[in-house]
Amino acid sequence: MTGWQTLWTWTLGLSVVLFFTVEIVVVIGGAGDIKSMLKSLREHTAEDATDSRAP
């Protein structure tokens, strides 16, 4: 029984480590995407504001 318990303990531990690794990669990559999206939205808003002021 101890062999199976050890196997599943290591499997669970490895799964948790891999999950957190993927989570960190997604958060770091997503932060860059959100930053670029906000920059694009600001530029688009500035263009719209400029266009609405023109006669």
PDB file of N, CA and C in Angstrom:
ATOM      1  N   MET A   1       0.813  -1.196   0.000  1.00  0.00           N
ATOM      2  CA  MET A   1       0.000   0.000   0.000  1.00  0.00           C
ATOM      3  C   MET A   1       0.859   1.263   0.000  1.00  0.00           C
ATOM      4  N   THR A   2       1.995   1.233   0.621  1.00  0.00           N
ATOM      5  CA  THR A   2       2.866   2.395   0.697  1.00  0.00           C
ATOM      6  C   THR A   2       3.404   2.774  -0.681  1.00  0.00           C
ATOM      7  N   GLY A   3       3.649   1.805  -1.520  1.00  0.00           N
ATOM      8  CA  GLY A   3       4.134   2.091  -2.875  1.00  0.00           C
ATOM      9  C   GLY A   3       3.123   2.883  -3.678  1.00  0.00           C
ATOM     10  N   TRP A   4       1.850   2.473  -3.622  1.00  0.00           N
ATOM     11  CA  TRP A   4       0.799   3.188  -4.333  1.00  0.00           C
ATOM     12  C   TRP A   4       0.605   4.591  -3.768  1.00  0.00           C
ATOM     13  N   GLN A   5       0.671   4.699  -2.472  1.00  0.00           N
ATOM     14  CA  GLN A   5       0.508   6.001  -1.826  1.00  0.00           C
ATOM     15  C   GLN A   5       1.626   6.953  -2.239  1.00  0.00           C
ATOM     16  N   THR A   6       2.831   6.446  -2.292  1.00  0.00           N
ATOM     17  CA  THR A   6       3.973   7.256  -2.724  1.00  0.00           C
ATOM     18  C   THR A   6       3.819   7.681  -4.184  1.00  0.00           C
ATOM     19  N   LEU A   7       3.402   6.748  -5.033  1.00  0.00           N
ATOM     20  CA  LEU A   7       3.204   7.052  -6.449  1.00  0.00           C
ATOM     21  C   LEU A   7       2.183   8.168  -6.626  1.00  0.00           C
ATOM     22  N   TRP A   8       1.046   8.073  -5.966  1.00  0.00           N
ATOM     23  CA  TRP A   8      -0.003   9.078  -6.127  1.00  0.00           C
ATOM     24  C   TRP A   8       0.376  10.399  -5.461  1.00  0.00           C
ATOM     25  N   THR A   9       1.139  10.350  -4.404  1.00  0.00           N
ATOM     26  CA  THR A   9       1.609  11.579  -3.773  1.00  0.00           C
ATOM     27  C   THR A   9       2.536  12.336  -4.719  1.00  0.00           C
ATOM     28  N   TRP A  10       3.466  11.622  -5.336  1.00  0.00           N
ATOM     29  CA  TRP A  10       4.374  12.261  -6.288  1.00  0.00           C
ATOM     30  C   TRP A  10       3.622  12.758  -7.523  1.00  0.00           C
ATOM     31  N   THR A  11       2.633  11.979  -7.970  1.00  0.00           N
ATOM     32  CA  THR A  11       1.837  12.386  -9.129  1.00  0.00           C
ATOM     33  C   THR A  11       1.076  13.674  -8.828  1.00  0.00           C
ATOM     34  N   LEU A  12       0.454  13.739  -7.669  1.00  0.00           N
ATOM     35  CA  LEU A  12      -0.264  14.948  -7.267  1.00  0.00           C
ATOM     36  C   LEU A  12       0.694  16.129  -7.132  1.00  0.00           C
ATOM     37  N   GLY A  13       1.827  15.928  -6.504  1.00  0.00           N
ATOM     38  CA  GLY A  13       2.809  17.001  -6.345  1.00  0.00           C
ATOM     39  C   GLY A  13       3.299  17.531  -7.682  1.00  0.00           C
ATOM     40  N   LEU A  14       3.592  16.625  -8.605  1.00  0.00           N
ATOM     41  CA  LEU A  14       4.045  17.024  -9.936  1.00  0.00           C
ATOM     42  C   LEU A  14       2.950  17.795 -10.670  1.00  0.00           C
ATOM     43  N   SER A  15       1.717  17.337 -10.536  1.00  0.00           N
ATOM     44  CA  SER A  15       0.595  18.025 -11.182  1.00  0.00           C
ATOM     45  C   SER A  15       0.443  19.448 -10.652  1.00  0.00           C
ATOM     46  N   VAL A  16       0.583  19.627  -9.358  1.00  0.00           N
ATOM     47  CA  VAL A  16       0.469  20.962  -8.764  1.00  0.00           C
ATOM     48  C   VAL A  16       1.594  21.862  -9.271  1.00  0.00           C
ATOM     49  N   VAL A  17       2.800  21.358  -9.314  1.00  0.00           N
ATOM     50  CA  VAL A  17       3.934  22.153  -9.799  1.00  0.00           C
ATOM     51  C   VAL A  17       3.737  22.539 -11.263  1.00  0.00           C
ATOM     52  N   LEU A  18       3.302  21.603 -12.092  1.00  0.00           N
ATOM     53  CA  LEU A  18       3.073  21.903 -13.504  1.00  0.00           C
ATOM     54  C   LEU A  18       1.939  22.906 -13.681  1.00  0.00           C
ATOM     55  N   PHE A  19       0.886  22.781 -12.883  1.00  0.00           N
ATOM     56  CA  PHE A  19      -0.227  23.729 -12.959  1.00  0.00           C
ATOM     57  C   PHE A  19       0.249  25.142 -12.650  1.00  0.00           C
ATOM     58  N   PHE A  20       1.007  25.304 -11.577  1.00  0.00           N
ATOM     59  CA  PHE A  20       1.488  26.636 -11.219  1.00  0.00           C
ATOM     60  C   PHE A  20       2.464  27.178 -12.255  1.00  0.00           C
ATOM     61  N   THR A  21       3.248  26.319 -12.880  1.00  0.00           N
ATOM     62  CA  THR A  21       4.153  26.757 -13.942  1.00  0.00           C
ATOM     63  C   THR A  21       3.368  27.305 -15.123  1.00  0.00           C
ATOM     64  N   VAL A  22       2.345  26.575 -15.535  1.00  0.00           N
ATOM     65  CA  VAL A  22       1.506  27.037 -16.643  1.00  0.00           C
ATOM     66  C   VAL A  22       0.798  28.330 -16.258  1.00  0.00           C
ATOM     67  N   GLU A  23       0.321  28.419 -15.034  1.00  0.00           N
ATOM     68  CA  GLU A  23      -0.368  29.624 -14.575  1.00  0.00           C
ATOM     69  C   GLU A  23       0.543  30.844 -14.630  1.00  0.00           C
ATOM     70  N   ILE A  24       1.782  30.696 -14.217  1.00  0.00           N
ATOM     71  CA  ILE A  24       2.743  31.803 -14.245  1.00  0.00           C
ATOM     72  C   ILE A  24       3.009  32.236 -15.680  1.00  0.00           C
ATOM     73  N   VAL A  25       3.178  31.283 -16.584  1.00  0.00           N
ATOM     74  CA  VAL A  25       3.424  31.612 -17.994  1.00  0.00           C
ATOM     75  C   VAL A  25       2.226  32.361 -18.578  1.00  0.00           C
ATOM     76  N   VAL A  26       1.022  31.912 -18.267  1.00  0.00           N
ATOM     77  CA  VAL A  26      -0.179  32.562 -18.795  1.00  0.00           C
ATOM     78  C   VAL A  26      -0.330  33.978 -18.230  1.00  0.00           C
ATOM     79  N   VAL A  27      -0.061  34.154 -16.953  1.00  0.00           N
ATOM     80  CA  VAL A  27      -0.187  35.477 -16.341  1.00  0.00           C
ATOM     81  C   VAL A  27       0.825  36.444 -16.945  1.00  0.00           C
ATOM     82  N   ILE A  28       2.051  36.015 -17.119  1.00  0.00           N
ATOM     83  CA  ILE A  28       3.079  36.888 -17.692  1.00  0.00           C
ATOM     84  C   ILE A  28       2.746  37.231 -19.146  1.00  0.00           C
ATOM     85  N   GLY A  29       2.354  36.240 -19.926  1.00  0.00           N
ATOM     86  CA  GLY A  29       1.985  36.488 -21.325  1.00  0.00           C
ATOM     87  C   GLY A  29       0.730  37.338 -21.432  1.00  0.00           C
ATOM     88  N   GLY A  30      -0.232  37.088 -20.574  1.00  0.00           N
ATOM     89  CA  GLY A  30      -1.477  37.843 -20.597  1.00  0.00           C
ATOM     90  C   GLY A  30      -1.284  39.290 -20.205  1.00  0.00           C
ATOM     91  N   ALA A  31      -0.367  39.564 -19.306  1.00  0.00           N
ATOM     92  CA  ALA A  31      -0.109  40.942 -18.888  1.00  0.00           C
ATOM     93  C   ALA A  31       0.365  41.780 -20.070  1.00  0.00           C
ATOM     94  N   GLY A  32       1.228  41.216 -20.893  1.00  0.00           N
ATOM     95  CA  GLY A  32       1.689  41.929 -22.088  1.00  0.00           C
ATOM     96  C   GLY A  32       0.556  42.173 -23.072  1.00  0.00           C
ATOM     97  N   ASP A  33      -0.327  41.186 -23.225  1.00  0.00           N
ATOM     98  CA  ASP A  33      -1.470  41.336 -24.125  1.00  0.00           C
ATOM     99  C   ASP A  33      -2.428  42.412 -23.631  1.00  0.00           C
ATOM    100  N   ILE A  34      -2.687  42.437 -22.341  1.00  0.00           N
ATOM    101  CA  ILE A  34      -3.590  43.439 -21.781  1.00  0.00           C
ATOM    102  C   ILE A  34      -2.995  44.830 -21.929  1.00  0.00           C
ATOM    103  N   LYS A  35      -1.690  44.933 -21.707  1.00  0.00           N
ATOM    104  CA  LYS A  35      -1.006  46.217 -21.860  1.00  0.00           C
ATOM    105  C   LYS A  35      -1.140  46.739 -23.291  1.00  0.00           C
ATOM    106  N   SER A  36      -0.917  45.871 -24.276  1.00  0.00           N
ATOM    107  CA  SER A  36      -1.022  46.297 -25.669  1.00  0.00           C
ATOM    108  C   SER A  36      -2.468  46.605 -26.042  1.00  0.00           C
ATOM    109  N   MET A  37      -3.447  45.873 -25.489  1.00  0.00           N
ATOM    110  CA  MET A  37      -4.846  46.142 -25.763  1.00  0.00           C
ATOM    111  C   MET A  37      -5.239  47.524 -25.229  1.00  0.00           C
ATOM    112  N   LEU A  38      -4.816  47.844 -24.006  1.00  0.00           N
ATOM    113  CA  LEU A  38      -5.140  49.149 -23.427  1.00  0.00           C
ATOM    114  C   LEU A  38      -4.502  50.283 -24.230  1.00  0.00           C
ATOM    115  N   LYS A  39      -3.281  50.069 -24.696  1.00  0.00           N
ATOM    116  CA  LYS A  39      -2.615  51.080 -25.522  1.00  0.00           C
ATOM    117  C   LYS A  39      -3.396  51.297 -26.814  1.00  0.00           C
ATOM    118  N   SER A  40      -3.831  50.220 -27.432  1.00  0.00           N
ATOM    119  CA  SER A  40      -4.602  50.311 -28.666  1.00  0.00           C
ATOM    120  C   SER A  40      -5.934  51.018 -28.432  1.00  0.00           C
ATOM    121  N   LEU A  41      -6.588  50.709 -27.313  1.00  0.00           N
ATOM    122  CA  LEU A  41      -7.862  51.366 -26.998  1.00  0.00           C
ATOM    123  C   LEU A  41      -7.673  52.863 -26.773  1.00  0.00           C
ATOM    124  N   ARG A  42      -6.593  53.246 -26.096  1.00  0.00           N
ATOM    125  CA  ARG A  42      -6.319  54.673 -25.880  1.00  0.00           C
ATOM    126  C   ARG A  42      -6.088  55.391 -27.212  1.00  0.00           C
ATOM    127  N   GLU A  43      -5.316  54.766 -28.103  1.00  0.00           N
ATOM    128  CA  GLU A  43      -5.058  55.366 -29.413  1.00  0.00           C
ATOM    129  C   GLU A  43      -6.355  55.501 -30.207  1.00  0.00           C
ATOM    130  N   HIS A  44      -7.172  54.478 -30.169  1.00  0.00           N
ATOM    131  CA  HIS A  44      -8.438  54.499 -30.903  1.00  0.00           C
ATOM    132  C   HIS A  44      -9.365  55.580 -30.348  1.00  0.00           C
ATOM    133  N   THR A  45      -9.402  55.714 -29.034  1.00  0.00           N
ATOM    134  CA  THR A  45     -10.230  56.747 -28.404  1.00  0.00           C
ATOM    135  C   THR A  45      -9.732  58.132 -28.776  1.00  0.00           C
ATOM    136  N   ALA A  46      -8.432  58.324 -28.806  1.00  0.00           N
ATOM    137  CA  ALA A  46      -7.862  59.613 -29.178  1.00  0.00           C
ATOM    138  C   ALA A  46      -8.193  59.943 -30.640  1.00  0.00           C
ATOM    139  N   GLU A  47      -8.147  58.950 -31.517  1.00  0.00           N
ATOM    140  CA  GLU A  47      -8.502  59.173 -32.930  1.00  0.00           C
ATOM    141  C   GLU A  47      -9.968  59.544 -33.067  1.00  0.00           C
ATOM    142  N   ASP A  48     -10.830  58.848 -32.324  1.00  0.00           N
ATOM    143  CA  ASP A  48     -12.264  59.149 -32.376  1.00  0.00           C
ATOM    144  C   ASP A  48     -12.556  60.558 -31.871  1.00  0.00           C
ATOM    145  N   ALA A  49     -11.867  60.949 -30.818  1.00  0.00           N
ATOM    146  CA  ALA A  49     -12.066  62.291 -30.261  1.00  0.00           C
ATOM    147  C   ALA A  49     -11.608  63.347 -31.251  1.00  0.00           C
ATOM    148  N   THR A  50     -10.525  63.100 -31.944  1.00  0.00           N
ATOM    149  CA  THR A  50     -10.011  64.033 -32.943  1.00  0.00           C
ATOM    150  C   THR A  50     -10.972  64.120 -34.127  1.00  0.00           C
ATOM    151  N   ASP A  51     -11.505  62.988 -34.569  1.00  0.00           N
ATOM    152  CA  ASP A  51     -12.433  62.963 -35.695  1.00  0.00           C
ATOM    153  C   ASP A  51     -13.751  63.666 -35.366  1.00  0.00           C
ATOM    154  N   SER A  52     -14.210  63.564 -34.152  1.00  0.00           N
ATOM    155  CA  SER A  52     -15.494  64.179 -33.790  1.00  0.00           C
ATOM    156  C   SER A  52     -15.371  65.702 -33.655  1.00  0.00           C
ATOM    157  N   ARG A  53     -14.173  66.207 -33.438  1.00  0.00           N
ATOM    158  CA  ARG A  53     -13.966  67.657 -33.314  1.00  0.00           C
ATOM    159  C   ARG A  53     -13.897  68.335 -34.673  1.00  0.00           C
ATOM    160  N   ALA A  54     -13.539  67.587 -35.705  1.00  0.00           N
ATOM    161  CA  ALA A  54     -13.400  68.188 -37.026  1.00  0.00           C
ATOM    162  C   ALA A  54     -14.779  68.559 -37.567  1.00  0.00           C
ATOM    163  N   PRO A  55     -14.873  69.722 -38.245  1.00  0.00           N
ATOM    164  CA  PRO A  55     -16.171  70.158 -38.788  1.00  0.00           C
ATOM    165  C   PRO A  55     -16.618  69.357 -39.970  1.00  0.00           C
TER     166      PRO A  55
END
